[in-house]
Amino acid sequence: MSSSSYIEYHGLLLPHISHSAESLEYAENFSVEDTDVFAVTYPKSGTVWMQEILPLVLNGGDLTPIKTIVNWDRVPWLETTRLAQIVDQLASPRGLVSHFPYNLMPPSFHTSKAKVIYVMRNPKDVFVSSYHFHQITSFVDDPGTFDEFMEKFLEGRVMNGKWTDHIKSWKRAELGDRILFITYEEMVQDLPASIKLMSDFLGNNLSEEVIQKIAEQCSFKTMKSNPMSNFSLVPKKYMDIEKAPFLRKGIAGDWKNHFNSEQLARFTSVLRKELEGENFSLPWSLD
């Protein structure tokens, strides 16, 4: 695939298969409700995991949607073509996901009281996950070698632009108590504690028992075996999960199996430079 796989929108490359001029206009004019909750991520940072967790936190642990509705309809993307088709079926409070940077959120988001859970993941793991994703999907560019893809990633010539731009846009957003920052690593380490954090943030105050039930349902093992969540229903021409499963490992720190010392030095020096002078610190060491 060439870069004709993408459409460009405010400088970002977005996959043609799921985005159109119409869907992006629809997103711009989308009427955000005060009760809406957005899980926002840079791609490969735990989006699909949040499509599993969020509805359960919002509905008090009722497993029905997780077992009967595919994840991309259960918690749809704000910016993709699918939203307009299914928006009327979404129960309130609505859970939505987005890969948008803060500045591309619709005007109605800024004037609403809608909340955001922003999931951050160690950028080295984001990169490795993205590299594998590009190898099994037909609707994004061929990644080339690990080194070639790293240059693309660092320059932002990949889906949704630079990782550093994305995180900076949301870290600078002055949303007060409307935003919760959580890391993928925290979720891997202690999922019940992370679910409790989300539940308290959303004012749902779920019981310990319900939190445990949600954590079990949203474990990597359970999700991997749930056809509504593991992307096995995506046609093979778009995603060949025989090459490798979409839900690959679900762990933190897999980057250590991929980077050599030169690659690591290159990767971290670029990120350091781009985050210089920012008033937030990252929850992981870049080395």
Protein backbone atom coordinates (compact mmCIF):
# COMPACT_ATOMS: atom_id res chain seq x y z
CA MET A 1 0.00 0.00 0.00
CA SER A 2 1.20 3.52 -0.68
CA SER A 3 0.32 6.63 1.26
CA SER A 4 -2.87 6.74 -0.82
CA SER A 5 -4.06 4.40 1.96
CA TYR A 6 -4.52 7.60 3.97
CA ILE A 7 -6.42 10.81 3.82
CA GLU A 8 -4.79 13.87 5.26
CA TYR A 9 -6.72 15.89 7.80
CA HIS A 10 -5.17 18.94 9.47
CA GLY A 11 -1.76 17.41 8.78
CA LEU A 12 -2.65 13.98 10.20
CA LEU A 13 -2.68 10.77 8.16
CA LEU A 14 -5.87 8.76 8.75
CA PRO A 15 -6.68 5.37 7.15
CA HIS A 16 -8.98 5.71 4.13
CA ILE A 17 -10.84 2.54 4.99
CA SER A 18 -12.41 3.98 8.12
CA HIS A 19 -12.28 7.76 7.59
CA SER A 20 -13.80 9.99 4.94
CA ALA A 21 -14.31 13.71 4.37
CA GLU A 22 -17.91 13.11 5.48
CA SER A 23 -17.00 11.26 8.69
CA LEU A 24 -14.54 13.99 9.66
CA GLU A 25 -17.13 16.67 9.03
CA TYR A 26 -19.60 14.63 11.06
CA ALA A 27 -17.07 14.51 13.92
CA GLU A 28 -16.55 18.28 13.72
CA ASN A 29 -20.28 18.88 14.02
CA PHE A 30 -20.91 16.06 16.49
CA SER A 31 -23.14 17.06 19.37
CA VAL A 32 -21.28 16.01 22.51
CA GLU A 33 -23.50 15.43 25.56
CA ASP A 34 -22.47 16.33 29.11
CA THR A 35 -22.72 12.66 30.08
CA ASP A 36 -20.44 11.41 27.27
CA VAL A 37 -17.15 9.78 28.23
CA PHE A 38 -14.25 9.67 25.77
CA ALA A 39 -11.38 7.24 26.03
CA VAL A 40 -8.60 9.03 24.16
CA THR A 41 -5.41 7.31 23.06
CA TYR A 42 -2.61 7.54 20.57
CA PRO A 43 -2.98 4.38 18.41
CA LYS A 44 -1.74 1.14 20.03
CA SER A 45 -2.01 2.46 23.58
CA GLY A 46 -4.93 0.43 24.89
CA THR A 47 -7.91 1.64 22.84
CA VAL A 48 -9.48 -1.79 22.41
CA TRP A 49 -8.99 -2.48 26.10
CA MET A 50 -10.90 0.70 26.91
CA GLN A 51 -13.70 -0.35 24.53
CA GLU A 52 -14.08 -3.34 26.85
CA ILE A 53 -13.73 -1.59 30.20
CA LEU A 54 -15.66 1.63 29.61
CA PRO A 55 -19.14 0.22 28.88
CA LEU A 56 -18.89 -2.04 31.92
CA VAL A 57 -17.91 0.82 34.21
CA LEU A 58 -20.70 2.98 32.76
CA ASN A 59 -23.41 0.30 33.02
CA GLY A 60 -22.46 -1.08 36.44
CA GLY A 61 -20.95 -4.33 35.19
CA ASP A 62 -23.71 -5.66 32.90
CA LEU A 63 -21.85 -8.03 30.55
CA THR A 64 -24.55 -8.11 27.84
CA PRO A 65 -22.99 -5.50 25.48
CA ILE A 66 -19.55 -7.10 25.74
CA LYS A 67 -20.94 -10.45 24.65
CA THR A 68 -23.39 -9.27 21.99
CA ILE A 69 -21.98 -6.12 20.31
CA VAL A 70 -18.65 -5.88 18.47
CA ASN A 71 -16.29 -3.44 20.15
CA TRP A 72 -16.22 -0.88 17.32
CA ASP A 73 -20.01 -0.50 17.62
CA ARG A 74 -20.10 -0.76 21.39
CA VAL A 75 -17.73 2.18 21.93
CA PRO A 76 -17.31 3.76 18.49
CA TRP A 77 -14.59 6.08 17.27
CA LEU A 78 -15.61 9.72 17.06
CA GLU A 79 -13.80 10.26 13.76
CA THR A 80 -14.68 7.16 11.73
CA THR A 81 -17.45 6.51 9.22
CA ARG A 82 -19.13 4.02 11.54
CA LEU A 83 -20.30 6.56 14.14
CA ALA A 84 -23.03 8.16 12.02
CA GLN A 85 -24.49 4.72 11.29
CA ILE A 86 -24.82 3.58 14.89
CA VAL A 87 -24.96 6.72 17.02
CA ASP A 88 -28.71 6.33 17.57
CA GLN A 89 -28.19 2.90 19.12
CA LEU A 90 -25.82 4.14 21.83
CA ALA A 91 -27.28 4.11 25.31
CA SER A 92 -26.62 7.07 27.58
CA PRO A 93 -24.12 7.66 29.12
CA ARG A 94 -22.30 7.08 25.85
CA GLY A 95 -18.76 5.76 25.72
CA LEU A 96 -16.70 6.85 22.71
CA VAL A 97 -13.07 6.51 21.71
CA SER A 98 -10.87 8.86 19.75
CA HIS A 99 -7.31 9.11 18.49
CA PHE A 100 -7.72 12.85 17.92
CA PRO A 101 -5.36 15.35 19.46
CA TYR A 102 -7.07 17.84 21.76
CA ASN A 103 -7.27 20.61 19.16
CA LEU A 104 -9.33 18.47 16.76
CA MET A 105 -12.09 17.66 19.24
CA PRO A 106 -15.45 19.13 18.14
CA PRO A 107 -16.52 22.58 19.40
CA SER A 108 -19.36 20.96 21.37
CA PHE A 109 -16.80 18.95 23.35
CA HIS A 110 -15.13 22.12 24.58
CA THR A 111 -18.39 23.64 25.80
CA SER A 112 -19.68 20.40 27.37
CA LYS A 113 -18.93 18.70 30.66
CA ALA A 114 -17.99 15.45 28.90
CA LYS A 115 -15.14 13.57 30.54
CA VAL A 116 -11.96 12.09 29.10
CA ILE A 117 -9.87 9.13 30.19
CA TYR A 118 -6.52 9.56 28.47
CA VAL A 119 -4.51 6.34 28.33
CA MET A 120 -0.77 6.74 27.86
CA ARG A 121 1.61 3.92 27.05
CA ASN A 122 5.39 3.76 26.97
CA PRO A 123 6.19 5.07 23.46
CA LYS A 124 8.70 2.28 22.84
CA ASP A 125 5.94 -0.30 23.33
CA VAL A 126 3.56 1.84 21.25
CA PHE A 127 6.09 1.77 18.43
CA VAL A 128 6.65 -2.01 18.62
CA SER A 129 2.90 -2.69 18.74
CA SER A 130 2.37 -0.38 15.78
CA TYR A 131 5.12 -2.12 13.82
CA HIS A 132 3.40 -5.50 14.29
CA PHE A 133 -0.02 -4.00 13.51
CA HIS A 134 1.29 -2.67 10.17
CA GLN A 135 2.43 -6.17 9.27
CA ILE A 136 -1.04 -7.75 9.54
CA THR A 137 -3.24 -4.98 8.13
CA SER A 138 -3.76 -4.11 4.49
CA PHE A 139 -5.21 -0.63 5.02
CA VAL A 140 -2.01 1.01 6.30
CA ASP A 141 1.40 1.33 4.66
CA ASP A 142 3.82 -1.55 4.64
CA PRO A 143 6.11 -0.74 7.59
CA GLY A 144 9.35 -1.74 5.84
CA THR A 145 12.21 -2.67 8.17
CA PHE A 146 12.23 -1.89 11.88
CA ASP A 147 14.69 0.97 11.25
CA GLU A 148 12.68 2.39 8.34
CA PHE A 149 9.49 2.30 10.34
CA MET A 150 11.21 3.95 13.29
CA GLU A 151 12.17 6.95 11.13
CA LYS A 152 8.59 7.21 9.88
CA PHE A 153 7.26 6.98 13.42
CA LEU A 154 9.65 9.61 14.77
CA GLU A 155 8.84 11.98 11.91
CA GLY A 156 5.10 11.48 12.35
CA ARG A 157 4.60 9.99 8.88
CA VAL A 158 2.31 7.36 10.41
CA MET A 159 -1.36 7.15 11.36
CA ASN A 160 -2.33 10.07 13.60
CA GLY A 161 1.02 11.84 13.45
CA LYS A 162 3.67 12.14 16.14
CA TRP A 163 3.27 10.49 19.51
CA THR A 164 4.85 13.52 21.18
CA ASP A 165 2.41 15.94 19.52
CA HIS A 166 -0.52 13.85 20.70
CA ILE A 167 0.54 13.63 24.32
CA LYS A 168 1.53 17.31 24.43
CA SER A 169 -1.86 18.40 23.12
CA TRP A 170 -3.73 16.56 25.87
CA LYS A 171 -1.29 17.32 28.67
CA ARG A 172 -1.62 21.03 27.85
CA ALA A 173 -5.42 20.88 27.73
CA GLU A 174 -6.83 22.70 30.72
CA LEU A 175 -9.73 20.42 31.48
CA GLY A 176 -9.43 20.34 35.26
CA ASP A 177 -11.49 17.51 36.74
CA ARG A 178 -12.85 16.53 33.32
CA ILE A 179 -9.74 14.49 32.49
CA LEU A 180 -8.11 11.44 34.05
CA PHE A 181 -4.62 10.39 32.92
CA ILE A 182 -3.85 6.73 33.38
CA THR A 183 -1.11 4.52 31.97
CA TYR A 184 -1.36 1.22 30.14
CA GLU A 185 1.33 -0.03 32.50
CA GLU A 186 -0.80 0.74 35.57
CA MET A 187 -3.65 -1.19 33.97
CA VAL A 188 -1.39 -4.18 33.27
CA GLN A 189 -0.01 -4.10 36.80
CA ASP A 190 -3.29 -3.76 38.71
CA LEU A 191 -6.43 -3.78 36.60
CA PRO A 192 -8.93 -3.71 39.52
CA ALA A 193 -7.21 -0.61 40.97
CA SER A 194 -7.31 1.09 37.55
CA ILE A 195 -11.00 0.25 37.12
CA LYS A 196 -11.71 1.66 40.59
CA LEU A 197 -9.87 4.84 39.61
CA MET A 198 -12.03 5.18 36.47
CA SER A 199 -15.21 4.35 38.37
CA ASP A 200 -14.49 7.00 41.02
CA PHE A 201 -13.53 9.55 38.36
CA LEU A 202 -16.86 8.99 36.60
CA GLY A 203 -18.77 9.11 39.88
CA ASN A 204 -20.00 5.52 39.52
CA ASN A 205 -18.58 4.22 42.80
CA LEU A 206 -18.78 0.56 41.84
CA SER A 207 -18.59 -2.09 44.55
CA GLU A 208 -15.48 -4.20 45.03
CA GLU A 209 -17.40 -7.22 43.73
CA VAL A 210 -18.44 -5.48 40.49
CA ILE A 211 -14.90 -4.16 39.98
CA GLN A 212 -13.51 -7.71 40.27
CA LYS A 213 -16.12 -8.99 37.81
CA ILE A 214 -15.21 -6.28 35.29
CA ALA A 215 -11.48 -6.95 35.72
CA GLU A 216 -12.00 -10.67 35.01
CA GLN A 217 -14.06 -9.90 31.89
CA CYS A 218 -11.45 -7.43 30.67
CA SER A 219 -8.41 -9.62 31.24
CA PHE A 220 -6.26 -10.17 28.17
CA LYS A 221 -7.08 -13.89 28.18
CA THR A 222 -10.86 -13.36 28.25
CA MET A 223 -10.76 -10.64 25.58
CA LYS A 224 -8.57 -12.76 23.33
CA SER A 225 -11.22 -15.50 23.35
CA ASN A 226 -14.17 -13.13 22.85
CA PRO A 227 -15.03 -12.80 19.12
CA MET A 228 -16.78 -9.49 19.90
CA SER A 229 -13.45 -8.09 21.08
CA ASN A 230 -10.56 -9.89 19.36
CA PHE A 231 -11.10 -8.58 15.80
CA SER A 232 -11.54 -12.11 14.42
CA LEU A 233 -14.71 -10.83 12.70
CA VAL A 234 -12.74 -8.38 10.55
CA PRO A 235 -12.50 -9.71 6.95
CA LYS A 236 -9.11 -11.24 6.17
CA LYS A 237 -8.52 -8.85 3.25
CA TYR A 238 -8.25 -6.02 5.80
CA MET A 239 -6.55 -7.79 8.68
CA ASP A 240 -4.85 -11.16 8.50
CA ILE A 241 -4.90 -12.44 12.06
CA GLU A 242 -3.51 -15.76 10.81
CA LYS A 243 -0.17 -13.94 10.39
CA ALA A 244 -0.38 -12.73 13.97
CA PRO A 245 -3.30 -12.11 16.33
CA PHE A 246 -4.56 -8.54 16.71
CA LEU A 247 -4.38 -8.94 20.50
CA ARG A 248 -0.75 -9.97 20.47
CA LYS A 249 0.73 -9.98 23.97
CA GLY A 250 -0.96 -7.35 26.12
CA ILE A 251 2.15 -6.83 28.21
CA ALA A 252 4.37 -3.92 29.18
CA GLY A 253 8.04 -3.82 28.26
CA ASP A 254 8.04 -5.97 25.10
CA TRP A 255 10.18 -3.25 23.45
CA LYS A 256 13.21 -4.77 25.25
CA ASN A 257 12.94 -7.74 22.86
CA HIS A 258 13.10 -5.50 19.79
CA PHE A 259 15.45 -2.51 20.20
CA ASN A 260 19.21 -2.67 19.96
CA SER A 261 21.29 -0.05 21.76
CA GLU A 262 21.70 2.22 18.69
CA GLN A 263 17.99 2.16 17.95
CA LEU A 264 17.18 2.89 21.57
CA ALA A 265 19.58 5.85 21.66
CA ARG A 266 18.11 7.26 18.44
CA PHE A 267 14.51 6.81 19.60
CA THR A 268 14.99 8.35 23.04
CA SER A 269 17.09 11.30 21.86
CA VAL A 270 14.38 12.39 19.40
CA LEU A 271 11.63 12.10 22.02
CA ARG A 272 13.68 13.93 24.66
CA LYS A 273 14.30 16.82 22.30
CA GLU A 274 10.62 17.09 21.39
CA LEU A 275 9.50 17.07 25.01
CA GLU A 276 12.09 19.61 26.16
CA GLY A 277 10.60 22.45 28.15
CA GLU A 278 7.24 20.73 28.70
CA ASN A 279 5.84 21.16 32.20
CA PHE A 280 4.87 17.50 32.61
CA SER A 281 7.08 14.50 33.20
CA LEU A 282 6.58 11.08 31.69
CA PRO A 283 5.68 8.17 33.98
CA TRP A 284 8.37 5.95 32.40
CA SER A 285 12.08 6.35 31.93
CA LEU A 286 12.89 6.85 28.27
CA ASP A 287 16.10 4.81 28.53
